[in-house]
Protein backbone atom coordinates (compact mmCIF):
# COMPACT_ATOMS: atom_id res chain seq x y z
CA UNK A 1 -46.13 131.43 57.08
CA UNK A 2 -48.30 128.42 56.28
CA UNK A 3 -47.08 125.02 55.19
CA UNK A 4 -48.89 125.61 51.91
CA UNK A 5 -46.49 128.45 51.20
CA UNK A 6 -43.50 126.24 52.03
CA UNK A 7 -44.74 123.60 49.61
CA UNK A 8 -44.91 126.25 46.90
CA UNK A 9 -41.26 127.28 47.20
CA UNK A 10 -38.01 125.36 47.23
CA UNK A 11 -36.50 124.38 50.58
CA UNK A 12 -34.20 126.97 52.12
CA UNK A 13 -32.74 124.35 54.48
CA UNK A 14 -31.78 122.16 51.52
CA UNK A 15 -30.06 125.17 49.99
CA UNK A 16 -28.25 125.86 53.28
CA UNK A 17 -26.97 122.28 53.34
CA UNK A 18 -25.66 122.65 49.79
CA UNK A 19 -23.93 125.89 50.81
CA UNK A 20 -22.24 124.15 53.76
CA UNK A 21 -20.98 121.38 51.48
CA UNK A 22 -19.79 123.86 48.86
CA UNK A 23 -17.87 125.91 51.43
CA UNK A 24 -16.36 122.78 52.95
CA UNK A 25 -15.17 121.56 49.55
CA UNK A 26 -13.18 124.78 49.14
CA UNK A 27 -11.94 125.08 52.73
CA UNK A 28 -10.93 121.49 53.39
CA UNK A 29 -10.38 120.04 49.93
CA UNK A 30 -11.26 116.42 49.24
CA UNK A 31 -11.55 115.06 52.78
CA UNK A 32 -14.10 112.46 53.84
CA UNK A 33 -16.39 115.24 55.10
CA UNK A 34 -15.86 117.70 52.24
CA UNK A 35 -15.96 115.70 49.03
CA UNK A 36 -19.09 117.23 47.47
CA UNK A 37 -17.50 118.99 44.52
CA UNK A 38 -20.91 119.46 42.86
CA UNK A 39 -22.68 121.31 45.69
CA UNK A 40 -21.84 124.77 44.35
CA UNK A 41 -23.81 124.05 41.16
CA UNK A 42 -27.04 124.25 43.15
CA UNK A 43 -26.33 127.68 44.65
CA UNK A 44 -27.51 131.01 43.21
CA UNK A 45 -24.89 132.62 40.99
CA UNK A 46 -24.07 135.46 43.39
CA UNK A 47 -23.41 133.02 46.24
CA UNK A 48 -21.19 130.87 44.02
CA UNK A 49 -19.21 134.02 43.26
CA UNK A 50 -18.79 135.15 46.85
CA UNK A 51 -17.67 131.80 48.27
CA UNK A 52 -14.70 131.86 45.91
CA UNK A 53 -13.10 134.22 48.44
CA UNK A 54 -11.45 132.83 51.57
CA UNK A 55 -12.54 135.80 53.69
CA UNK A 56 -16.19 135.20 52.79
CA UNK A 57 -15.94 131.49 53.53
CA UNK A 58 -14.38 132.13 56.94
CA UNK A 59 -17.03 134.74 57.69
CA UNK A 60 -19.73 132.20 56.82
CA UNK A 61 -18.21 129.61 59.17
CA UNK A 62 -17.80 132.21 61.96
CA UNK A 63 -21.39 133.35 61.54
CA UNK A 64 -22.61 129.79 61.88
CA UNK A 65 -20.66 129.36 65.11
CA UNK A 66 -22.37 132.47 66.46
CA UNK A 67 -25.92 131.78 65.27
CA UNK A 68 -26.25 128.00 64.95
CA UNK A 69 -23.31 126.46 66.85
CA UNK A 70 -22.38 123.09 65.38
CA UNK A 71 -24.78 123.22 62.43
CA UNK A 72 -22.03 123.54 59.81
CA UNK A 73 -20.15 120.60 61.28
CA UNK A 74 -23.36 118.62 61.54
CA UNK A 75 -24.17 119.00 57.86
CA UNK A 76 -20.68 117.79 56.92
CA UNK A 77 -20.86 114.79 59.25
CA UNK A 78 -24.35 113.97 58.01
CA UNK A 79 -23.23 114.08 54.38
CA UNK A 80 -20.36 111.72 55.17
CA UNK A 81 -22.60 109.29 57.07
CA UNK A 82 -25.04 108.98 54.18
CA UNK A 83 -22.19 108.93 51.63
CA UNK A 84 -20.74 105.86 53.33
CA UNK A 85 -24.07 104.07 53.35
CA UNK A 86 -24.60 104.88 49.68
CA UNK A 87 -21.13 103.71 48.67
CA UNK A 88 -21.33 100.51 50.70
CA UNK A 89 -24.69 99.62 49.19
CA UNK A 90 -23.60 100.20 45.61
CA UNK A 91 -20.38 98.25 46.17
CA UNK A 92 -22.44 95.39 47.62
CA UNK A 93 -24.80 95.48 44.64
CA UNK A 94 -27.94 96.51 46.52
CA UNK A 95 -30.41 96.60 43.67
CA UNK A 96 -32.36 99.71 44.73
CA UNK A 97 -31.49 102.90 46.60
CA UNK A 98 -34.16 105.43 47.48
CA UNK A 99 -33.30 108.99 48.49
CA UNK A 100 -36.26 110.24 50.50
CA UNK A 101 -36.23 114.02 50.40
CA UNK A 102 -33.17 114.13 48.17
CA UNK A 103 -32.76 117.91 48.27
CA UNK A 104 -29.54 118.84 46.48
CA UNK A 105 -27.98 115.46 47.18
CA UNK A 106 -25.52 114.65 44.38
CA UNK A 107 -24.42 111.13 45.32
CA UNK A 108 -25.84 109.60 42.17
CA UNK A 109 -23.63 111.95 40.12
CA UNK A 110 -20.58 112.20 42.42
CA UNK A 111 -20.04 108.45 42.59
CA UNK A 112 -20.70 107.20 39.04
CA UNK A 113 -18.08 104.48 39.48
CA UNK A 114 -20.17 102.99 42.29
CA UNK A 115 -23.67 103.42 40.94
CA UNK A 116 -23.39 100.52 38.51
CA UNK A 117 -26.69 98.80 37.90
CA UNK A 118 -28.44 99.89 41.11
CA UNK A 119 -31.77 101.57 40.46
CA UNK A 120 -31.80 104.92 42.23
CA UNK A 121 -34.95 106.87 43.05
CA UNK A 122 -34.85 110.49 44.19
CA UNK A 123 -38.02 111.68 45.94
CA UNK A 124 -38.68 115.25 47.01
CA UNK A 125 -41.25 118.03 47.13
CA UNK A 126 -41.97 119.28 43.61
CA UNK A 127 -40.66 122.81 44.12
CA UNK A 128 -37.20 121.75 45.30
CA UNK A 129 -36.95 118.91 42.80
CA UNK A 130 -37.83 121.15 39.84
CA UNK A 131 -35.18 123.68 40.89
CA UNK A 132 -32.64 120.88 41.26
CA UNK A 133 -33.38 119.60 37.76
CA UNK A 134 -32.92 123.11 36.33
CA UNK A 135 -29.54 123.44 38.10
CA UNK A 136 -28.43 120.03 36.82
CA UNK A 137 -29.28 120.92 33.24
CA UNK A 138 -27.69 124.36 33.48
CA UNK A 139 -24.47 122.93 34.96
CA UNK A 140 -24.25 120.08 32.46
CA UNK A 141 -24.13 117.45 35.22
CA UNK A 142 -24.38 113.94 33.81
CA UNK A 143 -27.29 112.06 35.38
CA UNK A 144 -27.00 108.25 35.04
CA UNK A 145 -29.84 106.59 33.18
CA UNK A 146 -30.69 104.45 36.21
CA UNK A 147 -31.68 107.52 38.28
CA UNK A 148 -35.41 108.33 38.48
CA UNK A 149 -36.75 111.52 40.05
CA UNK A 150 -40.22 111.37 41.57
CA UNK A 151 -42.16 114.24 43.21
CA UNK A 152 -43.74 113.58 46.61
CA UNK A 153 -45.33 115.33 49.55
CA UNK A 154 -44.36 113.27 52.60
CA UNK A 155 -47.20 114.72 54.66
CA UNK A 156 -49.82 113.58 52.13
CA UNK A 157 -48.53 110.92 49.71
CA UNK A 158 -47.84 107.24 50.34
CA UNK A 159 -44.19 106.54 49.61
CA UNK A 160 -44.64 103.00 48.33
CA UNK A 161 -47.41 104.05 45.93
CA UNK A 162 -45.26 106.86 44.53
CA UNK A 163 -42.31 104.49 44.17
CA UNK A 164 -44.28 101.69 42.51
CA UNK A 165 -45.70 104.15 39.99
CA UNK A 166 -42.09 105.11 39.20
CA UNK A 167 -40.83 101.57 38.60
CA UNK A 168 -39.80 100.52 42.11
CA UNK A 169 -39.86 96.77 42.86
CA UNK A 170 -40.91 96.08 46.48
CA UNK A 171 -39.55 92.52 46.22
CA UNK A 172 -35.97 93.76 45.87
CA UNK A 173 -33.81 94.56 48.89
CA UNK A 174 -33.52 98.33 49.19
CA UNK A 175 -31.60 101.02 51.05
CA UNK A 176 -33.64 104.09 51.98
CA UNK A 177 -31.71 107.26 52.80
CA UNK A 178 -33.87 109.80 54.65
CA UNK A 179 -31.44 112.66 55.18
CA UNK A 180 -32.44 115.90 56.88
CA UNK A 181 -36.18 115.30 56.51
CA UNK A 182 -37.91 113.74 59.54
CA UNK A 183 -37.67 116.86 61.70
CA UNK A 184 -39.74 118.89 59.22
CA UNK A 185 -42.61 116.39 59.00
CA UNK A 186 -45.67 115.87 61.13
CA UNK A 187 -45.10 112.99 63.60
CA UNK A 188 -47.96 111.14 61.93
CA UNK A 189 -46.17 111.35 58.57
CA UNK A 190 -43.00 109.85 60.05
CA UNK A 191 -44.95 107.01 61.65
CA UNK A 192 -46.93 106.39 58.45
CA UNK A 193 -43.71 106.22 56.43
CA UNK A 194 -42.21 103.64 58.79
CA UNK A 195 -45.37 101.54 58.73
CA UNK A 196 -45.78 101.72 54.96
CA UNK A 197 -42.21 100.58 54.33
CA UNK A 198 -42.48 97.81 56.91
CA UNK A 199 -45.66 96.45 55.30
CA UNK A 200 -44.64 96.70 51.69
CA UNK A 201 -40.86 96.41 51.30
CA UNK A 202 -38.70 93.29 51.32
CA UNK A 203 -37.41 92.15 54.71
CA UNK A 204 -33.78 93.05 55.36
CA UNK A 205 -34.10 96.41 53.63
CA UNK A 206 -32.64 99.33 55.59
CA UNK A 207 -33.77 102.86 56.26
CA UNK A 208 -31.22 105.40 57.50
CA UNK A 209 -32.35 108.74 58.89
CA UNK A 210 -31.38 111.56 61.20
CA UNK A 211 -33.67 113.12 63.76
CA UNK A 212 -33.81 115.88 66.36
CA UNK A 213 -33.67 115.04 70.04
CA UNK A 214 -36.67 116.16 72.07
CA UNK A 215 -35.12 118.54 74.62
CA UNK A 216 -37.28 120.66 76.97
CA UNK A 217 -36.52 124.35 76.62
CA UNK A 218 -35.43 124.54 80.24
CA UNK A 219 -32.74 121.92 79.60
CA UNK A 220 -31.38 123.21 76.29
CA UNK A 221 -28.50 124.97 78.00
CA UNK A 222 -27.12 121.57 79.01
CA UNK A 223 -26.63 120.55 75.37
CA UNK A 224 -23.94 122.16 73.21
CA UNK A 225 -25.31 124.77 70.83
CA UNK A 226 -28.97 123.83 71.16
CA UNK A 227 -30.38 126.93 72.89
CA UNK A 228 -28.76 129.34 70.43
CA UNK A 229 -29.54 127.09 67.46
CA UNK A 230 -33.25 126.94 68.33
CA UNK A 231 -33.39 130.67 68.97
CA UNK A 232 -31.95 131.35 65.53
CA UNK A 233 -34.09 128.70 63.85
CA UNK A 234 -37.35 130.05 65.23
CA UNK A 235 -36.39 133.55 64.11
CA UNK A 236 -35.06 132.83 60.62
CA UNK A 237 -36.63 129.49 59.60
CA UNK A 238 -40.29 130.07 60.38
CA UNK A 239 -41.30 128.36 57.13
CA UNK A 240 -39.53 125.10 58.07
CA UNK A 241 -40.00 124.54 61.80
CA UNK A 242 -39.06 121.31 63.56
CA UNK A 243 -42.22 119.20 63.86
CA UNK A 244 -40.99 115.70 64.65
CA UNK A 245 -38.66 115.13 67.60
CA UNK A 246 -37.96 112.08 69.74
CA UNK A 247 -36.08 111.07 72.85
CA UNK A 248 -33.48 108.34 72.50
CA UNK A 249 -35.55 106.17 74.82
CA UNK A 250 -38.66 106.49 72.63
CA UNK A 251 -36.94 105.73 69.32
CA UNK A 252 -36.78 101.93 69.74
CA UNK A 253 -40.47 101.62 70.76
CA UNK A 254 -41.44 103.86 67.84
CA UNK A 255 -39.56 101.71 65.35
CA UNK A 256 -40.81 98.46 66.88
CA UNK A 257 -44.41 99.66 66.85
CA UNK A 258 -44.20 100.19 63.11
CA UNK A 259 -42.38 96.99 62.13
CA UNK A 260 -38.74 98.12 62.21
CA UNK A 261 -35.79 97.20 64.39
CA UNK A 262 -32.86 99.38 65.43
CA UNK A 263 -29.59 98.50 63.68
CA UNK A 264 -27.47 101.57 64.51
CA UNK A 265 -27.84 104.68 66.65
CA UNK A 266 -25.22 107.42 67.05
CA UNK A 267 -25.28 110.36 69.45
CA UNK A 268 -23.61 113.70 68.78
CA UNK A 269 -20.21 112.71 70.19
CA UNK A 270 -20.16 109.43 68.27
CA UNK A 271 -21.13 111.28 65.09
CA UNK A 272 -18.27 113.75 65.51
CA UNK A 273 -15.67 111.13 66.38
CA UNK A 274 -16.66 108.88 63.48
CA UNK A 275 -17.27 111.33 60.65
CA UNK A 276 -15.21 114.46 61.37
CA UNK A 277 -11.55 115.13 62.10
CA UNK A 278 -10.34 115.70 65.66
CA UNK A 279 -9.61 119.39 65.10
CA UNK A 280 -13.10 120.22 63.86
CA UNK A 281 -15.71 121.77 66.14
CA UNK A 282 -18.49 119.90 67.89
CA UNK A 283 -21.85 119.32 66.25
CA UNK A 284 -25.08 120.68 67.68
CA UNK A 285 -25.97 118.20 70.42
CA UNK A 286 -29.62 117.67 69.48
CA UNK A 287 -28.97 115.58 66.35
CA UNK A 288 -28.88 111.78 66.09
CA UNK A 289 -28.20 109.24 63.31
CA UNK A 290 -30.21 106.03 63.04
CA UNK A 291 -30.31 102.98 60.80
CA UNK A 292 -33.31 100.66 61.09
CA UNK A 293 -34.01 97.29 59.50
CA UNK A 294 -37.31 96.07 58.13
CA UNK A 295 -38.19 92.94 60.08
CA UNK A 296 -38.04 89.42 58.67
CA UNK A 297 -41.71 88.86 59.36
CA UNK A 298 -42.88 91.35 56.75
CA UNK A 299 -42.44 89.10 53.70
């Protein structure tokens, strides 16, 4: 299926992430990795009904272990990682937070006590964003007045232009959260995003993102869950294939080339140990977390 078709329908992977968070909220209660009590509001009604049952939730988790080992745990750890960055920034009065590819992210509504006066911008493809807005209205979720939703196509549109048109101030220090997006973009779009932010945004601003490790097919068996995950993904997620991947060794040169510097990098074991409990399963070994800083020489 062509990318045009994907851009004309909401993201199935964003919906899967919301489902993982909704299941986790019921299975684990309010733990650090399962605190998204709003996730279920973005699911179709029949799915919301079925996950009320423990047997269905356990079947969902078991199925994920079989088909995409570590993906469920990864989504929970990823949510926690970006939650912490969001909370820390609002507590430290960062004036602007930008959610790049916000999907069904609900941080702006889950943490109203932290949002304060920070200006928050949610950017995403029109189809997913419009569905999200409908779900918010239907569920009666209170959206703070300082949240602005802006449509974007990351493969075509310039982020800074879209943001400026929506009231973004490039002179203010900003946190950019790019969760679960880079792997679905063309490599050129990722590089262009880095370069555009580095040229136009205040020095000291941060961009946090996750990415997929570039693993040759012959070596996938050496990494937990990757071979089975990729087999399932190619079969069932043809509309949202992985386009951008990177080795750990190439990440620093990539960031440096486009005016950014590495501030934090976590591998799969570090992600698990930091953001999940000891008794939870491993995450798929191809995922990495990164935080980069916009260099002081940009402004």
